[in-house]
Amino acid sequence: MHELRSLEELYARDEFTFAVIYGRRRVGKTSLIEEFIDRGNKRAVMFMAVESTDHENLENFSQSIYSMINPDLRSYGIFPTWNSAFEFITEESKKEKLVIVIDEYPFLAKARPSISSELQRCIDTMFLDTNIMLILCGSSMSFMENQVLGYQSPLYGRRTAQYKIEPFDYYDSAEFFGDASFEDKLLGYAVTGGVPLYLKIISKKDTVAEGIEDAFFSKSGFLREEPYNLLKQELREPAVYNAIIGAVASGATRLKDIADKVKEDASKVSKYMGSLIDLGILKREVPMLSNDGHRGIYAVSDNMYRFWYRFVRKEASLIKRSGEDVFEENVRPFISDFLGPIFEDVCKEYLWRLNVRKELPFLFSNIGKWWGGNPITRTETEIDIIAASTVKRDLIVGECKWKNKETGTDVFTLLKEKAALFPDRDIHYYIFSRSGFTSELKKEAKRNERLTLVDLDDLFRM
């Protein structure tokens, strides 16, 4: 794992280092830090802030320090101030290299708003002359980006490294499902969004379908109320946010339409949606290669939320009463439709992997989709995938087919017609298919070096 190797490299330095680790809840930040500490049995103060008073957090921090020295000293007492605790840590670091971890830092900052300024003074006056490794970790991405990493933060410019921990992509998620079929691996990724904890839960059952049914559709299922519980932890007025996500999940893509659905003022909804975008739950997309921001649309970006709001939320009463047969009767028949749009995202992730490995015809800088009026055919046109370079004329134009039949030459013909919208570009065609390709299209791909065909085997056997 890249982040683990990078943390080890920081630790190897004989100087003060400061790492900031952040990302959405459940994504594995704390597990990463614990794995890092356990490797080599590093001497560390592991402290997790809680939503409580400043006094309780200082007491817990004090216990973490004493426990690091000797577990029997855990209840030794409490430092009178945060500064005195930092002074003690500074002296301890002279004996042996020390890692200081403050997890859920936003909770501490909420209880003690001056803590970032105090840490800044501590770094400048004490820590800089030590070989301490300081790690601040948090799940509130907007807070970590603005109040820790941002220009206005007292800590700005003092970090040595920062890590935004993202969920696994489809390829890494597949490792959790062993010998399952490629479609089942895709389904496991689709309902979990690649979050490690959710992947572990789903993969505990014999089949992916059984894991989904148990986690989402049983009365005791861990994920039955997970999205709403996360909203309550992250945001005030979770009911309004819940309604907004529900509106987007049901097909409202423009701000006015979303505001009308939730019966709230558009300016208020816009502010709330900004928070949901910061959390990675929603996204705003504009057509690739377009500078017209007014054409932007909103969508649910987190796959687990997509699944929950489409299938679980509307069956809440039935699940609460029994949960039996809900998945088989009301969900499984529609799973294929649900996977269609996610298949497009997976195809983009596949191209990103090849891009990083420099296995594409060119190195692209951005990838997305395109939609709008086609002046040639005078129809509304959509292109599933557009990948472009900022320095070259090359363009990848892609089509994604999630169907139960082989994809034929008609799809390639239509894709070429769409690509004619970009006459000044060197076009490379990629066609992705769930069910493979006709012999005619395969022959065409052999003749045409600018056409690449990708099926499920290719996606998972890179």
Protein backbone atom coordinates (compact mmCIF):
# COMPACT_ATOMS: atom_id res chain seq x y z
CA MET A 1 0.00 0.00 0.00
CA HIS A 2 1.43 3.34 -1.10
CA GLU A 3 0.39 5.23 2.03
CA LEU A 4 1.99 2.67 4.34
CA ARG A 5 5.29 2.79 2.45
CA SER A 6 5.24 6.57 2.51
CA LEU A 7 4.61 6.70 6.26
CA GLU A 8 7.53 4.33 6.82
CA GLU A 9 9.76 6.63 4.76
CA LEU A 10 8.69 9.60 6.88
CA TYR A 11 9.37 7.67 10.04
CA ALA A 12 12.88 6.81 8.85
CA ARG A 13 13.85 10.47 8.77
CA ASP A 14 15.91 11.70 11.72
CA GLU A 15 13.87 14.88 12.11
CA PHE A 16 10.43 16.16 13.03
CA THR A 17 7.72 15.10 10.57
CA PHE A 18 4.03 15.95 10.46
CA ALA A 19 1.50 13.87 8.48
CA VAL A 20 -2.19 14.67 7.94
CA ILE A 21 -4.46 11.71 7.17
CA TYR A 22 -8.10 12.19 6.28
CA GLY A 23 -10.99 10.57 4.44
CA ARG A 24 -14.60 9.55 4.90
CA ARG A 25 -15.70 7.35 7.78
CA ARG A 26 -15.14 3.58 7.54
CA VAL A 27 -12.51 3.99 4.84
CA GLY A 28 -9.70 2.47 6.91
CA LYS A 29 -7.70 5.46 8.22
CA THR A 30 -7.33 4.15 11.76
CA SER A 31 -6.48 0.65 10.50
CA LEU A 32 -3.75 2.17 8.33
CA ILE A 33 -2.26 3.99 11.31
CA GLU A 34 -2.48 0.92 13.54
CA GLU A 35 -0.76 -1.19 10.89
CA PHE A 36 1.95 1.44 10.59
CA ILE A 37 2.50 1.54 14.37
CA ASP A 38 2.52 -2.25 14.68
CA ARG A 39 5.21 -2.64 12.02
CA GLY A 40 8.43 -2.57 13.95
CA ASN A 41 6.55 -2.13 17.24
CA LYS A 42 6.97 1.65 17.14
CA ARG A 43 6.85 3.70 20.32
CA ALA A 44 3.65 5.68 20.00
CA VAL A 45 1.01 7.72 21.81
CA MET A 46 -2.30 6.63 20.27
CA PHE A 47 -5.07 9.06 21.19
CA MET A 48 -8.57 9.20 19.72
CA ALA A 49 -10.51 12.37 20.49
CA VAL A 50 -14.18 12.08 21.39
CA GLU A 51 -17.19 14.35 21.11
CA SER A 52 -16.97 15.55 24.69
CA THR A 53 -15.43 18.30 26.78
CA ASP A 54 -11.93 19.64 26.50
CA HIS A 55 -11.22 18.31 30.00
CA GLU A 56 -12.20 14.74 29.10
CA ASN A 57 -10.08 14.83 25.96
CA LEU A 58 -7.07 16.12 27.90
CA GLU A 59 -7.63 13.38 30.49
CA ASN A 60 -7.73 10.72 27.75
CA PHE A 61 -4.65 12.18 26.08
CA SER A 62 -2.82 12.11 29.41
CA GLN A 63 -3.75 8.45 29.91
CA SER A 64 -2.50 7.64 26.41
CA ILE A 65 0.85 9.23 27.20
CA TYR A 66 1.27 7.41 30.50
CA SER A 67 0.14 4.15 28.93
CA MET A 68 2.84 4.52 26.28
CA ILE A 69 5.48 4.74 29.05
CA ASN A 70 4.01 1.93 31.11
CA PRO A 71 0.49 0.42 30.90
CA ASP A 72 0.38 0.35 34.69
CA LEU A 73 0.57 4.17 34.72
CA ARG A 74 -2.59 4.60 32.62
CA SER A 75 -4.50 6.14 35.55
CA TYR A 76 -1.53 8.07 36.84
CA GLY A 77 -3.19 11.45 36.51
CA ILE A 78 -3.95 14.31 34.14
CA PHE A 79 -1.64 17.00 32.80
CA PRO A 80 -2.73 20.49 33.92
CA THR A 81 -2.62 21.88 30.35
CA TRP A 82 -2.17 20.68 26.77
CA ASN A 83 1.11 22.58 26.60
CA SER A 84 2.47 20.73 29.63
CA ALA A 85 1.53 17.45 27.94
CA PHE A 86 3.40 18.51 24.80
CA GLU A 87 6.44 19.51 26.90
CA PHE A 88 6.44 16.09 28.50
CA ILE A 89 6.26 14.41 25.08
CA THR A 90 9.19 16.52 23.90
CA GLU A 91 11.35 15.28 26.77
CA GLU A 92 10.27 11.67 26.20
CA SER A 93 11.25 11.86 22.53
CA LYS A 94 14.87 12.49 23.56
CA LYS A 95 15.02 8.91 24.87
CA GLU A 96 13.64 7.21 21.75
CA LYS A 97 11.82 8.23 18.56
CA LEU A 98 8.16 8.84 19.26
CA VAL A 99 5.00 8.83 17.12
CA ILE A 100 2.12 11.03 18.32
CA VAL A 101 -1.29 10.19 16.81
CA ILE A 102 -4.34 12.37 17.37
CA ASP A 103 -7.23 10.57 15.70
CA GLU A 104 -10.58 12.29 15.02
CA TYR A 105 -8.82 15.63 15.42
CA PRO A 106 -11.99 17.61 14.46
CA PHE A 107 -13.64 16.43 17.71
CA LEU A 108 -10.75 17.82 19.72
CA ALA A 109 -10.82 21.11 17.80
CA LYS A 110 -14.55 21.42 18.41
CA ALA A 111 -14.06 20.98 22.16
CA ARG A 112 -10.99 23.25 22.19
CA PRO A 113 -11.03 25.77 19.30
CA SER A 114 -7.55 27.06 20.18
CA ILE A 115 -5.84 23.67 19.83
CA SER A 116 -4.53 24.28 16.30
CA SER A 117 -2.84 27.51 17.42
CA GLU A 118 -1.41 25.73 20.46
CA LEU A 119 -0.10 22.90 18.29
CA GLN A 120 1.43 25.42 15.90
CA ARG A 121 3.35 27.09 18.75
CA CYS A 122 4.37 23.70 20.07
CA ILE A 123 5.71 22.64 16.66
CA ASP A 124 7.62 25.90 16.21
CA THR A 125 9.10 26.07 19.71
CA MET A 126 9.51 22.43 20.75
CA PHE A 127 8.86 19.71 18.17
CA LEU A 128 11.01 21.14 15.35
CA ASP A 129 14.18 20.24 17.25
CA THR A 130 13.06 16.63 17.86
CA ASN A 131 12.56 13.53 15.74
CA ILE A 132 8.89 13.25 16.76
CA MET A 133 6.44 12.09 14.10
CA LEU A 134 3.07 13.81 14.54
CA ILE A 135 -0.03 12.42 12.83
CA LEU A 136 -3.38 14.23 12.77
CA CYS A 137 -6.28 12.16 11.45
CA GLY A 138 -9.90 13.05 10.80
CA SER A 139 -13.10 11.96 9.07
CA SER A 140 -14.56 15.41 8.51
CA MET A 141 -13.02 16.09 5.13
CA SER A 142 -14.13 19.72 4.91
CA PHE A 143 -12.63 20.43 8.34
CA MET A 144 -9.34 18.69 7.57
CA GLU A 145 -8.99 20.40 4.20
CA ASN A 146 -9.94 23.87 5.44
CA GLN A 147 -8.97 24.00 9.12
CA VAL A 148 -5.84 21.84 9.03
CA LEU A 149 -4.51 21.99 5.47
CA GLY A 150 -6.08 25.29 4.41
CA TYR A 151 -4.27 28.60 4.04
CA GLN A 152 -6.14 30.14 6.99
CA SER A 153 -5.14 27.36 9.39
CA PRO A 154 -2.44 28.05 12.03
CA LEU A 155 -0.97 24.69 10.94
CA TYR A 156 -0.68 25.72 7.29
CA GLY A 157 2.72 25.02 5.76
CA ARG A 158 3.92 22.84 8.63
CA ARG A 159 2.86 19.44 7.33
CA THR A 160 5.44 17.12 5.82
CA ALA A 161 2.90 14.95 4.02
CA GLN A 162 -0.85 14.58 3.57
CA TYR A 163 -2.91 11.52 2.66
CA LYS A 164 -6.52 11.54 1.51
CA ILE A 165 -7.56 7.92 1.97
CA GLU A 166 -9.97 6.83 -0.72
CA PRO A 167 -12.16 3.71 -0.90
CA PHE A 168 -10.86 0.80 -2.98
CA ASP A 169 -11.63 0.78 -6.68
CA TYR A 170 -13.43 -2.13 -8.31
CA TYR A 171 -10.20 -4.05 -8.93
CA ASP A 172 -8.92 -4.00 -5.34
CA SER A 173 -12.43 -4.60 -3.99
CA ALA A 174 -12.58 -7.84 -5.97
CA GLU A 175 -9.89 -9.35 -3.71
CA PHE A 176 -12.47 -9.62 -0.92
CA PHE A 177 -14.64 -12.02 -2.90
CA GLY A 178 -12.22 -14.81 -3.76
CA ASP A 179 -13.54 -17.13 -6.46
CA ALA A 180 -16.82 -15.33 -7.03
CA SER A 181 -17.79 -14.57 -10.63
CA PHE A 182 -16.72 -11.27 -12.14
CA GLU A 183 -20.32 -10.05 -12.11
CA ASP A 184 -20.66 -10.89 -8.42
CA LYS A 185 -17.39 -9.09 -7.67
CA LEU A 186 -18.74 -6.09 -9.52
CA LEU A 187 -21.94 -6.31 -7.48
CA GLY A 188 -19.98 -6.47 -4.23
CA TYR A 189 -18.14 -3.33 -5.20
CA ALA A 190 -21.33 -1.64 -6.40
CA VAL A 191 -23.18 -1.95 -3.08
CA THR A 192 -20.22 -1.07 -0.84
CA GLY A 193 -18.53 1.73 -2.77
CA GLY A 194 -15.20 0.03 -2.08
CA VAL A 195 -15.23 0.84 1.65
CA PRO A 196 -13.09 -1.82 3.36
CA LEU A 197 -15.38 -2.38 6.35
CA TYR A 198 -18.44 -2.88 4.14
CA LEU A 199 -16.52 -5.20 1.84
CA LYS A 200 -15.52 -7.34 4.82
CA ILE A 201 -19.11 -7.54 6.03
CA ILE A 202 -20.54 -8.52 2.63
CA SER A 203 -17.79 -11.06 1.95
CA LYS A 204 -18.40 -13.03 5.16
CA LYS A 205 -21.31 -14.92 3.61
CA ASP A 206 -21.01 -17.78 1.11
CA THR A 207 -22.23 -15.63 -1.79
CA VAL A 208 -22.28 -11.90 -2.51
CA ALA A 209 -26.09 -11.96 -2.73
CA GLU A 210 -26.35 -13.57 0.73
CA GLY A 211 -23.96 -10.96 2.11
CA ILE A 212 -26.03 -8.12 0.69
CA GLU A 213 -29.28 -9.62 1.94
CA ASP A 214 -27.93 -10.09 5.45
CA ALA A 215 -26.23 -6.68 5.70
CA PHE A 216 -28.98 -4.50 4.21
CA PHE A 217 -32.26 -6.41 4.38
CA SER A 218 -32.30 -8.16 7.75
CA LYS A 219 -33.57 -6.44 10.89
CA SER A 220 -30.13 -6.75 12.50
CA GLY A 221 -28.18 -5.89 9.34
CA PHE A 222 -25.14 -3.70 9.95
CA LEU A 223 -25.80 -1.60 6.85
CA ARG A 224 -29.60 -1.38 7.15
CA GLU A 225 -29.46 2.18 8.51
CA GLU A 226 -25.81 3.01 7.84
CA PRO A 227 -26.19 5.99 5.47
CA TYR A 228 -28.65 7.80 7.71
CA ASN A 229 -26.54 7.07 10.81
CA LEU A 230 -23.52 8.58 9.05
CA LEU A 231 -25.54 11.68 8.15
CA LYS A 232 -26.49 12.11 11.80
CA GLN A 233 -22.82 11.91 12.81
CA GLU A 234 -21.58 14.33 10.17
CA LEU A 235 -24.33 16.91 9.71
CA ARG A 236 -26.94 18.98 11.44
CA GLU A 237 -30.50 18.61 10.13
CA PRO A 238 -29.90 15.09 8.76
CA ALA A 239 -33.53 14.87 7.70
CA VAL A 240 -33.06 17.66 5.13
CA TYR A 241 -29.86 16.08 3.82
CA ASN A 242 -31.66 12.75 3.66
CA ALA A 243 -34.40 14.30 1.55
CA ILE A 244 -31.87 15.94 -0.80
CA ILE A 245 -29.97 12.70 -1.41
CA GLY A 246 -33.27 10.91 -1.95
CA ALA A 247 -34.31 13.49 -4.54
CA VAL A 248 -31.06 13.14 -6.47
CA ALA A 249 -31.17 9.34 -6.23
CA SER A 250 -34.68 9.35 -7.69
CA GLY A 251 -33.58 11.29 -10.77
CA ALA A 252 -33.59 15.01 -9.93
CA THR A 253 -30.34 16.34 -11.43
CA ARG A 254 -30.84 20.14 -11.50
CA LEU A 255 -30.82 22.42 -8.47
CA LYS A 256 -34.32 23.75 -9.13
CA ASP A 257 -35.77 20.26 -9.50
CA ILE A 258 -34.07 19.09 -6.30
CA ALA A 259 -35.30 22.13 -4.35
CA ASP A 260 -38.85 21.61 -5.65
CA LYS A 261 -38.79 17.96 -4.55
CA VAL A 262 -37.61 18.68 -1.00
CA LYS A 263 -39.77 21.82 -0.67
CA GLU A 264 -36.86 24.03 0.36
CA ASP A 265 -35.43 27.28 -0.95
CA ALA A 266 -32.89 26.71 -3.75
CA SER A 267 -30.19 28.80 -2.03
CA LYS A 268 -30.48 26.68 1.11
CA VAL A 269 -30.43 23.46 -0.89
CA SER A 270 -27.34 24.63 -2.78
CA LYS A 271 -25.48 25.18 0.50
CA TYR A 272 -26.50 21.76 1.82
CA MET A 273 -25.49 20.08 -1.41
CA GLY A 274 -22.05 21.65 -1.08
CA SER A 275 -21.66 19.82 2.22
CA LEU A 276 -22.76 16.53 0.64
CA ILE A 277 -20.24 17.03 -2.17
CA ASP A 278 -17.51 17.68 0.42
CA LEU A 279 -18.42 14.36 2.05
CA GLY A 280 -18.18 12.54 -1.29
CA ILE A 281 -21.85 11.54 -1.23
CA LEU A 282 -22.95 13.71 -4.14
CA LYS A 283 -21.06 15.02 -7.16
CA ARG A 284 -21.62 17.68 -9.75
CA GLU A 285 -20.66 16.77 -13.30
CA VAL A 286 -20.24 18.95 -16.37
CA PRO A 287 -19.71 17.60 -19.88
CA MET A 288 -16.06 16.90 -20.66
CA LEU A 289 -14.39 19.53 -22.87
CA SER A 290 -17.13 22.01 -22.00
CA ASN A 291 -16.65 25.35 -20.28
CA ASP A 292 -20.37 25.85 -19.74
CA GLY A 293 -20.93 25.36 -16.02
CA HIS A 294 -24.69 25.83 -16.48
CA ARG A 295 -24.86 22.38 -18.10
CA GLY A 296 -23.75 20.72 -14.89
CA ILE A 297 -25.90 18.06 -13.26
CA TYR A 298 -25.93 16.43 -9.82
CA ALA A 299 -25.67 12.72 -9.10
CA VAL A 300 -25.02 10.37 -6.19
CA SER A 301 -21.31 9.55 -6.27
CA ASP A 302 -21.11 7.07 -3.39
CA ASN A 303 -22.19 3.63 -4.60
CA MET A 304 -23.38 2.45 -1.21
CA TYR A 305 -25.67 5.48 -0.97
CA ARG A 306 -26.88 4.83 -4.52
CA PHE A 307 -27.87 1.30 -3.55
CA TRP A 308 -29.38 2.23 -0.19
CA TYR A 309 -31.53 5.05 -1.51
CA ARG A 310 -32.73 3.03 -4.47
CA PHE A 311 -33.56 -0.22 -2.69
CA VAL A 312 -33.25 -0.15 1.10
CA ARG A 313 -34.81 3.15 2.09
CA LYS A 314 -38.17 2.48 0.42
CA GLU A 315 -38.39 -1.00 1.98
CA ALA A 316 -37.56 0.21 5.51
CA SER A 317 -40.97 -0.64 7.00
CA LEU A 318 -41.07 -4.12 5.49
CA ILE A 319 -37.50 -4.87 6.60
CA LYS A 320 -38.28 -3.69 10.12
CA ARG A 321 -41.25 -6.04 10.33
CA SER A 322 -39.63 -9.14 8.88
CA GLY A 323 -37.10 -8.58 6.09
CA GLU A 324 -37.86 -12.01 4.63
CA ASP A 325 -37.86 -12.24 0.82
CA VAL A 326 -37.39 -8.46 0.38
CA PHE A 327 -34.14 -8.94 -1.46
CA GLU A 328 -35.29 -11.81 -3.64
CA GLU A 329 -38.60 -10.24 -4.67
CA ASN A 330 -37.99 -6.47 -4.65
CA VAL A 331 -34.26 -6.12 -5.30
CA ARG A 332 -32.64 -8.99 -7.19
CA PRO A 333 -34.84 -8.55 -10.35
CA PHE A 334 -33.57 -4.96 -10.70
CA ILE A 335 -29.89 -5.48 -9.85
CA SER A 336 -28.82 -5.53 -13.49
CA ASP A 337 -30.42 -2.12 -14.12
CA PHE A 338 -28.67 -0.78 -11.03
CA LEU A 339 -25.28 -2.02 -12.24
CA GLY A 340 -25.48 -0.33 -15.65
CA PRO A 341 -24.36 3.18 -14.61
CA ILE A 342 -21.82 1.73 -12.17
CA PHE A 343 -20.34 -0.30 -15.02
CA GLU A 344 -19.51 3.02 -16.70
CA ASP A 345 -17.65 4.16 -13.58
CA VAL A 346 -15.77 0.86 -13.44
CA CYS A 347 -14.68 1.29 -17.06
CA LYS A 348 -13.31 4.73 -16.19
CA GLU A 349 -11.43 3.22 -13.23
CA TYR A 350 -9.97 0.60 -15.59
CA LEU A 351 -8.70 3.33 -17.90
CA TRP A 352 -7.24 5.21 -14.94
CA ARG A 353 -5.27 2.12 -13.96
CA LEU A 354 -3.89 1.75 -17.48
CA ASN A 355 -3.19 5.48 -17.56
CA VAL A 356 -1.06 5.32 -14.40
CA ARG A 357 0.81 2.34 -15.87
CA LYS A 358 1.30 4.25 -19.15
CA GLU A 359 -0.38 1.48 -21.13
CA LEU A 360 -2.67 3.73 -23.16
CA PRO A 361 -1.95 5.45 -26.49
CA PHE A 362 -1.36 8.69 -24.55
CA LEU A 363 -1.38 10.01 -20.98
CA PHE A 364 -4.76 11.58 -20.29
CA SER A 365 -5.33 14.30 -17.69
CA ASN A 366 -9.11 14.16 -17.28
CA ILE A 367 -11.85 11.62 -17.81
CA GLY A 368 -15.61 11.93 -17.72
CA LYS A 369 -18.61 11.82 -20.04
CA TRP A 370 -20.15 14.16 -22.59
CA TRP A 371 -23.73 15.08 -23.35
CA GLY A 372 -25.45 17.76 -25.37
CA GLY A 373 -26.96 18.64 -28.71
CA ASN A 374 -25.41 17.08 -31.80
CA PRO A 375 -25.49 19.67 -34.63
CA ILE A 376 -24.79 16.94 -37.20
CA THR A 377 -27.72 14.66 -36.34
CA ARG A 378 -29.77 17.37 -34.62
CA THR A 379 -30.40 15.05 -31.69
CA GLU A 380 -29.38 14.91 -28.04
CA THR A 381 -26.23 12.82 -27.80
CA GLU A 382 -24.39 11.18 -24.92
CA ILE A 383 -20.89 9.71 -24.90
CA ASP A 384 -20.20 7.38 -21.97
CA ILE A 385 -16.46 8.06 -21.71
CA ILE A 386 -14.25 10.92 -22.83
CA ALA A 387 -10.59 11.00 -21.75
CA ALA A 388 -8.43 13.92 -22.84
CA SER A 389 -4.90 15.21 -22.57
CA THR A 390 -4.15 18.86 -21.81
CA VAL A 391 -1.08 18.84 -24.07
CA LYS A 392 -2.01 16.51 -26.95
CA ARG A 393 -4.81 16.32 -29.51
CA ASP A 394 -5.51 12.68 -28.65
CA LEU A 395 -8.91 11.73 -27.29
CA ILE A 396 -10.35 8.47 -25.98
CA VAL A 397 -14.01 8.03 -26.84
CA GLY A 398 -15.70 5.10 -25.12
CA GLU A 399 -18.99 3.23 -25.10
CA CYS A 400 -20.11 0.94 -22.25
CA LYS A 401 -22.65 -1.82 -22.91
CA TRP A 402 -24.16 -3.62 -19.92
CA LYS A 403 -26.38 -6.04 -21.84
CA ASN A 404 -26.99 -9.78 -22.07
CA LYS A 405 -25.96 -9.98 -25.70
CA GLU A 406 -22.72 -9.56 -27.59
CA THR A 407 -21.86 -6.07 -28.74
CA GLY A 408 -21.66 -5.68 -32.52
CA THR A 409 -20.35 -3.38 -35.24
CA ASP A 410 -23.45 -1.16 -35.05
CA VAL A 411 -22.15 0.15 -31.71
CA PHE A 412 -18.81 1.03 -33.27
CA THR A 413 -20.53 2.77 -36.19
CA LEU A 414 -22.59 4.88 -33.79
CA LEU A 415 -19.53 5.67 -31.67
CA LYS A 416 -17.69 6.96 -34.75
CA GLU A 417 -20.65 9.20 -35.55
CA LYS A 418 -20.53 10.65 -32.05
CA ALA A 419 -16.76 11.14 -32.25
CA ALA A 420 -17.28 13.30 -35.33
CA LEU A 421 -18.26 16.03 -32.87
CA PHE A 422 -14.52 16.44 -32.22
CA PRO A 423 -13.03 16.79 -35.73
CA ASP A 424 -9.81 18.42 -34.49
CA ARG A 425 -8.88 15.42 -32.31
CA ASP A 426 -7.02 12.16 -32.86
CA ILE A 427 -9.61 9.63 -31.74
CA HIS A 428 -8.97 6.31 -30.00
CA TYR A 429 -12.06 4.12 -29.60
CA TYR A 430 -12.75 1.90 -26.57
CA ILE A 431 -15.81 -0.32 -26.37
CA PHE A 432 -16.63 -2.11 -23.09
CA SER A 433 -19.08 -4.99 -23.00
CA ARG A 434 -20.55 -7.18 -20.29
CA SER A 435 -21.27 -10.04 -22.69
CA GLY A 436 -18.38 -9.91 -25.13
CA PHE A 437 -18.34 -9.02 -28.83
CA THR A 438 -19.52 -10.41 -32.13
CA SER A 439 -16.98 -12.01 -34.45
CA GLU A 440 -17.46 -9.13 -36.92
CA LEU A 441 -16.52 -6.52 -34.32
CA LYS A 442 -13.51 -8.58 -33.23
CA LYS A 443 -12.32 -8.71 -36.85
CA GLU A 444 -12.77 -4.95 -37.09
CA ALA A 445 -10.65 -4.46 -33.96
CA LYS A 446 -7.85 -6.56 -35.48
CA ARG A 447 -7.89 -4.38 -38.60
CA ASN A 448 -8.23 -1.07 -36.77
CA GLU A 449 -5.43 -0.29 -34.31
CA ARG A 450 -7.46 2.62 -32.96
CA LEU A 451 -10.24 0.33 -31.72
CA THR A 452 -9.88 -1.53 -28.41
CA LEU A 453 -12.43 -4.01 -27.08
CA VAL A 454 -12.67 -4.69 -23.33
CA ASP A 455 -14.85 -7.37 -21.69
CA LEU A 456 -15.28 -8.44 -18.05
CA ASP A 457 -12.28 -10.78 -18.24
CA ASP A 458 -10.09 -7.87 -19.33
CA LEU A 459 -11.37 -5.65 -16.51
CA PHE A 460 -10.47 -8.16 -13.81
CA ARG A 461 -7.38 -9.79 -15.32
CA MET A 462 -5.09 -6.85 -15.76
